[in-house]
Amino acid sequence: MTNSLKNSQAASKSGKNKLASSTTERWNKQELFKNFYVCTREAVSAWETYFDVTGLAEQVFSESTHAHQNAENVLRASDAWRQLLALLDYASEGVTDGMEEMSIVMDAAEILALIKTENYWPSQDWDNIVTMGDARYALGDGMPLDLERIALLANVDIRTVRNAASAGELSIVQAPKDDPFPRRTPMVDNASARRWLHGRKGFKPTVSDNSAENIALEDVRTAAEFGAFLKKQRERIGLAETGQKLTIFHPCATVGTIQQLEAGVFMLPLDAVFRVADFYQLSKKALLECVMRVFFTEELETLTEALKCGIPPNQ
């Protein structure tokens, strides 16, 4: 086992945690590919050895596992590597290129699992990238996030996130007492995480695709869809890239309110919803229902149950 561990560590030298990296590129693609190549060769060799099959290396690399001249080029052109690059683009840049977000993460994670052997396995960088992709999906889908995932998204040291939580900038979600899968680490409320991440230099919001932008207001279910819808609506009513100063007339609205809303961040009191509806030329009732559905889920459920039971809201 000692030799195996040494080999694993050697294959993962490029995987040092770079959460607070100041380099232009957060991860080195060449190092990531090198690790992927080494792990794939070892996995292919193991399959041929233990399952007594031949020709697998020729199919994957178009040559014998003992020849290296064109193997890297062949692997770079493979669907597997393209899928891993898609994960890298999604996790670090928020770019989906029209692909389904969950599939980007799960497919890449499965590829990395397939090339893990006793002697070599994907580097720590790959683990961070998968975790970051998972965090980005959770953020867009309205789920709570742990501190590590927020640190990855913000590209900061985990201590920065802990300090933010201690200072009350991040709202910790209390797990239900009957939770069958209790979390070992604190979980942060999705809306709180989204507010904190918004505007941080190291965080790049997910680039919305056409399906999110063209969704009907009644069908909006997540903060990401909410932001994409409002951005598209502003374009529809002719307020996009006009150079004019855009303002929502409410005491709590600031210069950055529109940018926050279109990033899926709602930091206004509920009495501002009607002013937002006026600005975007939307139905006040429909927008209020949407805001409650997306950002005040527990409160909406409480009110709904109270109305069903005929209980006055103040009891």
Protein backbone atom coordinates (compact mmCIF):
# COMPACT_ATOMS: atom_id res chain seq x y z
CA MET A 1 0.00 0.00 0.00
CA THR A 2 2.93 2.34 0.63
CA ASN A 3 3.98 2.30 -3.04
CA SER A 4 0.40 2.86 -4.13
CA LEU A 5 0.09 5.87 -1.90
CA LYS A 6 3.34 7.29 -3.23
CA ASN A 7 2.15 6.85 -6.80
CA SER A 8 -1.19 8.44 -5.96
CA GLN A 9 0.52 11.41 -4.38
CA ALA A 10 2.83 11.77 -7.37
CA ALA A 11 -0.12 11.77 -9.73
CA SER A 12 -1.82 14.43 -7.63
CA LYS A 13 1.03 16.90 -7.17
CA SER A 14 -0.78 19.37 -9.38
CA GLY A 15 -3.82 19.13 -7.14
CA LYS A 16 -2.83 21.55 -4.40
CA ASN A 17 -5.79 23.54 -3.15
CA LYS A 18 -5.90 26.84 -5.02
CA LEU A 19 -8.97 28.41 -3.45
CA ALA A 20 -7.18 31.72 -3.01
CA SER A 21 -5.07 31.62 -6.18
CA SER A 22 -4.04 34.97 -7.60
CA THR A 23 -3.04 33.57 -10.97
CA THR A 24 -4.96 34.44 -14.13
CA GLU A 25 -6.12 30.86 -14.57
CA ARG A 26 -7.48 29.17 -11.52
CA TRP A 27 -6.49 25.76 -12.75
CA ASN A 28 -3.79 24.73 -15.21
CA LYS A 29 -5.48 22.84 -18.05
CA GLN A 30 -2.23 21.19 -19.10
CA GLU A 31 -1.69 19.81 -15.60
CA LEU A 32 -5.29 18.68 -15.43
CA PHE A 33 -4.94 16.86 -18.75
CA LYS A 34 -1.64 15.29 -17.70
CA ASN A 35 -3.29 13.85 -14.60
CA PHE A 36 -6.27 12.68 -16.66
CA TYR A 37 -3.96 11.03 -19.20
CA VAL A 38 -1.88 9.18 -16.60
CA CYS A 39 -4.95 7.95 -14.74
CA THR A 40 -6.66 6.82 -17.94
CA ARG A 41 -3.62 4.84 -19.08
CA GLU A 42 -3.40 3.08 -15.75
CA ALA A 43 -7.15 2.32 -15.72
CA VAL A 44 -7.08 0.93 -19.26
CA SER A 45 -4.08 -1.22 -18.43
CA ALA A 46 -5.80 -2.53 -15.30
CA TRP A 47 -8.94 -3.46 -17.23
CA GLU A 48 -6.92 -5.37 -19.79
CA THR A 49 -4.96 -7.17 -17.08
CA TYR A 50 -7.70 -8.11 -14.64
CA PHE A 51 -10.50 -8.81 -17.10
CA ASP A 52 -8.21 -10.56 -19.58
CA VAL A 53 -9.24 -8.40 -22.54
CA THR A 54 -7.15 -7.09 -25.40
CA GLY A 55 -7.56 -4.16 -27.76
CA LEU A 56 -8.98 -1.74 -25.21
CA ALA A 57 -5.86 0.44 -25.28
CA GLU A 58 -5.91 0.50 -29.07
CA GLN A 59 -9.52 1.68 -29.01
CA VAL A 60 -8.95 4.39 -26.40
CA PHE A 61 -5.55 5.63 -27.57
CA SER A 62 -5.46 4.23 -31.12
CA GLU A 63 -2.23 2.45 -30.20
CA SER A 64 -0.59 0.15 -27.68
CA THR A 65 -0.41 1.31 -24.07
CA HIS A 66 3.38 1.18 -24.41
CA ALA A 67 3.49 3.77 -27.20
CA HIS A 68 2.93 7.44 -26.41
CA GLN A 69 3.55 9.38 -29.62
CA ASN A 70 -0.08 10.11 -30.57
CA ALA A 71 -1.90 8.88 -27.48
CA GLU A 72 -2.24 12.32 -25.91
CA ASN A 73 -3.69 13.85 -29.07
CA VAL A 74 -6.19 11.02 -29.38
CA LEU A 75 -7.28 11.41 -25.76
CA ARG A 76 -7.60 15.18 -26.16
CA ALA A 77 -10.05 14.58 -29.00
CA SER A 78 -12.16 12.15 -26.97
CA ASP A 79 -15.66 12.81 -25.72
CA ALA A 80 -14.43 12.11 -22.20
CA TRP A 81 -11.97 15.02 -22.27
CA ARG A 82 -14.56 17.31 -23.86
CA GLN A 83 -16.94 16.45 -21.04
CA LEU A 84 -14.30 17.28 -18.45
CA LEU A 85 -13.61 20.60 -20.17
CA ALA A 86 -17.36 21.30 -20.09
CA LEU A 87 -17.28 20.75 -16.32
CA LEU A 88 -14.29 23.09 -16.01
CA ASP A 89 -16.05 25.84 -17.99
CA TYR A 90 -19.26 25.41 -16.00
CA ALA A 91 -17.65 25.24 -12.56
CA SER A 92 -15.23 28.15 -12.97
CA GLU A 93 -16.95 30.38 -15.55
CA GLY A 94 -20.63 29.46 -15.23
CA VAL A 95 -20.85 28.61 -18.94
CA THR A 96 -23.14 25.75 -19.98
CA ASP A 97 -23.18 26.05 -23.80
CA GLY A 98 -26.79 24.87 -23.71
CA MET A 99 -26.00 21.66 -21.80
CA GLU A 100 -28.10 20.55 -18.84
CA GLU A 101 -26.29 21.66 -15.68
CA MET A 102 -26.78 18.52 -13.61
CA SER A 103 -25.60 16.34 -16.50
CA ILE A 104 -22.42 18.40 -16.87
CA VAL A 105 -21.45 17.66 -13.28
CA MET A 106 -22.64 14.06 -13.04
CA ASP A 107 -21.20 12.91 -16.38
CA ALA A 108 -17.79 14.39 -15.61
CA ALA A 109 -17.79 12.93 -12.11
CA GLU A 110 -18.58 9.51 -13.55
CA ILE A 111 -15.69 9.77 -16.02
CA LEU A 112 -13.28 10.63 -13.21
CA ALA A 113 -14.61 7.71 -11.15
CA LEU A 114 -13.95 5.32 -14.06
CA ILE A 115 -10.25 6.21 -14.20
CA LYS A 116 -9.57 5.83 -10.49
CA THR A 117 -7.30 2.89 -9.63
CA GLU A 118 -5.32 1.76 -6.62
CA ASN A 119 -2.13 3.32 -7.99
CA TYR A 120 -3.43 6.51 -9.58
CA TRP A 121 -6.48 8.66 -9.15
CA PRO A 122 -7.70 12.10 -10.22
CA SER A 123 -5.93 14.98 -8.50
CA GLN A 124 -7.29 17.20 -5.76
CA ASP A 125 -7.89 19.87 -8.40
CA TRP A 126 -10.37 17.59 -10.16
CA ASP A 127 -12.10 16.96 -6.83
CA ASN A 128 -12.37 20.71 -6.27
CA ILE A 129 -13.74 21.29 -9.76
CA VAL A 130 -16.44 18.62 -9.35
CA THR A 131 -17.35 20.03 -5.93
CA MET A 132 -17.49 23.54 -7.37
CA GLY A 133 -19.71 22.39 -10.23
CA ASP A 134 -22.00 20.70 -7.73
CA ALA A 135 -22.03 23.90 -5.65
CA ARG A 136 -22.94 26.04 -8.66
CA TYR A 137 -25.82 23.72 -9.51
CA ALA A 138 -27.04 23.78 -5.88
CA LEU A 139 -26.84 27.58 -5.82
CA GLY A 140 -28.95 27.86 -8.96
CA ASP A 141 -31.43 25.24 -7.78
CA GLY A 142 -32.15 26.96 -4.47
CA MET A 143 -30.43 24.45 -2.19
CA PRO A 144 -28.38 25.35 0.92
CA LEU A 145 -24.59 25.17 0.60
CA ASP A 146 -21.85 24.26 3.03
CA LEU A 147 -18.96 26.62 3.75
CA GLU A 148 -16.47 24.73 1.59
CA ARG A 149 -18.63 25.05 -1.50
CA ILE A 150 -19.17 28.76 -0.94
CA ALA A 151 -15.41 29.20 -0.62
CA LEU A 152 -14.88 27.41 -3.92
CA LEU A 153 -17.45 29.55 -5.71
CA ALA A 154 -16.00 32.76 -4.30
CA ASN A 155 -12.38 31.64 -4.84
CA VAL A 156 -11.45 32.55 -1.28
CA ASP A 157 -9.92 30.74 1.66
CA ILE A 158 -12.38 28.80 3.80
CA ARG A 159 -11.48 31.08 6.74
CA THR A 160 -13.01 34.04 4.91
CA VAL A 161 -16.32 32.21 4.69
CA ARG A 162 -16.16 31.12 8.33
CA ASN A 163 -15.58 34.72 9.35
CA ALA A 164 -18.55 35.83 7.24
CA ALA A 165 -20.73 33.23 8.94
CA SER A 166 -19.51 34.29 12.38
CA ALA A 167 -20.26 37.92 11.56
CA GLY A 168 -23.80 37.08 10.52
CA GLU A 169 -23.21 37.86 6.84
CA LEU A 170 -24.18 34.28 6.01
CA SER A 171 -27.30 32.74 7.54
CA ILE A 172 -26.79 29.24 8.89
CA VAL A 173 -29.66 26.84 8.28
CA GLN A 174 -30.67 24.73 11.24
CA ALA A 175 -31.11 21.07 10.25
CA PRO A 176 -34.43 19.48 11.21
CA LYS A 177 -34.26 17.40 14.40
CA ASP A 178 -35.58 14.36 12.53
CA ASP A 179 -33.13 14.77 9.63
CA PRO A 180 -32.05 11.18 8.69
CA PHE A 181 -28.85 12.53 7.12
CA PRO A 182 -27.49 15.15 9.53
CA ARG A 183 -24.77 17.40 8.13
CA ARG A 184 -21.36 17.44 9.76
CA THR A 185 -20.70 21.00 8.60
CA PRO A 186 -22.88 24.13 8.85
CA MET A 187 -25.18 24.76 5.92
CA VAL A 188 -25.88 28.26 4.62
CA ASP A 189 -29.27 29.43 3.41
CA ASN A 190 -29.33 29.68 -0.39
CA ALA A 191 -30.57 33.27 -0.54
CA SER A 192 -27.94 34.31 1.99
CA ALA A 193 -25.17 32.57 0.02
CA ARG A 194 -26.35 34.18 -3.21
CA ARG A 195 -26.38 37.66 -1.61
CA TRP A 196 -22.89 37.19 -0.18
CA LEU A 197 -21.44 35.85 -3.43
CA HIS A 198 -22.98 38.62 -5.52
CA GLY A 199 -20.35 41.22 -6.31
CA ARG A 200 -17.38 39.26 -4.97
CA LYS A 201 -14.45 39.50 -7.37
CA GLY A 202 -13.76 35.78 -7.43
CA PHE A 203 -17.34 34.72 -8.14
CA LYS A 204 -18.66 34.44 -11.68
CA PRO A 205 -22.45 34.07 -11.95
CA THR A 206 -23.85 31.30 -14.12
CA VAL A 207 -24.53 32.44 -17.66
CA SER A 208 -28.24 31.87 -18.21
CA ASP A 209 -29.33 29.99 -21.32
CA ASN A 210 -32.30 30.76 -23.54
CA SER A 211 -34.57 28.24 -21.84
CA ALA A 212 -34.17 30.09 -18.51
CA GLU A 213 -34.69 33.49 -20.09
CA ASN A 214 -37.82 32.47 -21.99
CA ILE A 215 -39.57 30.75 -19.11
CA ALA A 216 -42.96 32.17 -18.08
CA LEU A 217 -43.15 34.07 -14.78
CA GLU A 218 -45.64 31.53 -13.43
CA ASP A 219 -43.10 28.76 -14.03
CA VAL A 220 -40.12 30.42 -12.31
CA ARG A 221 -38.98 28.22 -9.42
CA THR A 222 -35.39 29.20 -8.65
CA ALA A 223 -33.42 32.38 -8.00
CA ALA A 224 -31.41 31.79 -11.18
CA GLU A 225 -34.59 31.57 -13.26
CA PHE A 226 -35.95 34.67 -11.52
CA GLY A 227 -32.89 36.72 -12.46
CA ALA A 228 -32.82 35.43 -16.03
CA PHE A 229 -36.51 36.19 -16.47
CA LEU A 230 -36.19 39.79 -15.26
CA LYS A 231 -33.16 40.41 -17.46
CA LYS A 232 -35.05 39.13 -20.51
CA GLN A 233 -38.15 41.13 -19.54
CA ARG A 234 -36.09 44.34 -19.38
CA GLU A 235 -34.89 43.63 -22.90
CA ARG A 236 -38.46 42.97 -24.08
CA ILE A 237 -39.70 46.35 -22.85
CA GLY A 238 -36.81 48.22 -24.43
CA LEU A 239 -34.73 49.08 -21.37
CA ALA A 240 -31.65 47.10 -22.36
CA GLU A 241 -28.31 48.81 -23.04
CA THR A 242 -29.94 52.21 -23.51
CA GLY A 243 -27.38 54.13 -21.49
CA GLN A 244 -30.16 55.73 -19.45
CA LYS A 245 -30.20 55.65 -15.68
CA LEU A 246 -32.60 52.91 -14.56
CA THR A 247 -34.25 53.33 -11.18
CA ILE A 248 -36.85 51.48 -9.14
CA PHE A 249 -38.74 54.05 -7.11
CA HIS A 250 -38.64 52.66 -3.59
CA PRO A 251 -36.79 53.93 -0.49
CA CYS A 252 -34.81 50.70 -0.17
CA ALA A 253 -33.84 50.52 -3.84
CA THR A 254 -30.25 51.48 -4.65
CA VAL A 255 -28.19 51.99 -7.79
CA GLY A 256 -27.33 48.29 -7.79
CA THR A 257 -30.84 46.95 -7.12
CA ILE A 258 -31.58 46.07 -10.74
CA GLN A 259 -28.25 44.30 -11.09
CA GLN A 260 -28.95 42.37 -7.89
CA LEU A 261 -32.42 41.33 -9.01
CA GLU A 262 -31.16 40.13 -12.38
CA ALA A 263 -28.48 38.13 -10.60
CA GLY A 264 -31.20 36.33 -8.67
CA VAL A 265 -30.64 38.28 -5.45
CA PHE A 266 -33.72 39.71 -3.71
CA MET A 267 -32.72 42.07 -0.87
CA LEU A 268 -35.82 44.28 -0.84
CA PRO A 269 -38.78 44.26 1.57
CA LEU A 270 -41.99 42.77 0.24
CA ASP A 271 -43.63 46.17 -0.13
CA ALA A 272 -41.10 46.90 -2.91
CA VAL A 273 -42.43 44.08 -5.10
CA PHE A 274 -45.16 46.24 -6.63
CA ARG A 275 -42.61 48.93 -7.55
CA VAL A 276 -40.44 46.25 -9.15
CA ALA A 277 -43.50 45.02 -11.07
CA ASP A 278 -44.12 48.56 -12.30
CA PHE A 279 -40.53 48.89 -13.49
CA TYR A 280 -40.57 45.58 -15.39
CA GLN A 281 -44.16 46.08 -16.56
CA LEU A 282 -45.35 42.86 -14.95
CA SER A 283 -48.50 41.81 -13.15
CA LYS A 284 -48.15 42.83 -9.49
CA LYS A 285 -50.00 39.76 -8.27
CA ALA A 286 -47.97 37.37 -10.45
CA LEU A 287 -44.64 38.89 -9.40
CA LEU A 288 -45.57 38.85 -5.70
CA GLU A 289 -46.51 35.19 -5.97
CA CYS A 290 -43.23 34.49 -7.75
CA VAL A 291 -41.12 36.31 -5.15
CA MET A 292 -42.86 34.44 -2.32
CA ARG A 293 -42.48 31.13 -4.13
CA VAL A 294 -38.76 31.59 -4.81
CA PHE A 295 -37.42 33.61 -1.87
CA PHE A 296 -39.89 33.10 0.97
CA THR A 297 -40.77 29.43 0.64
CA GLU A 298 -41.26 28.68 4.34
CA GLU A 299 -43.34 31.80 4.92
CA LEU A 300 -45.52 30.98 1.91
CA GLU A 301 -46.05 27.41 3.11
CA THR A 302 -47.02 28.67 6.57
CA LEU A 303 -49.54 31.13 5.15
CA THR A 304 -50.95 28.52 2.78
CA GLU A 305 -51.45 25.98 5.55
CA ALA A 306 -53.03 28.61 7.77
CA LEU A 307 -55.51 29.58 5.08
CA LYS A 308 -56.36 25.93 4.43
CA CYS A 309 -57.10 25.41 8.10
CA GLY A 310 -59.00 28.68 8.42
CA ILE A 311 -56.46 30.03 10.93
CA PRO A 312 -55.96 33.81 10.93
CA PRO A 313 -52.38 34.63 9.76
CA ASN A 314 -51.56 36.40 13.07
CA GLN A 315 -52.04 33.24 15.16
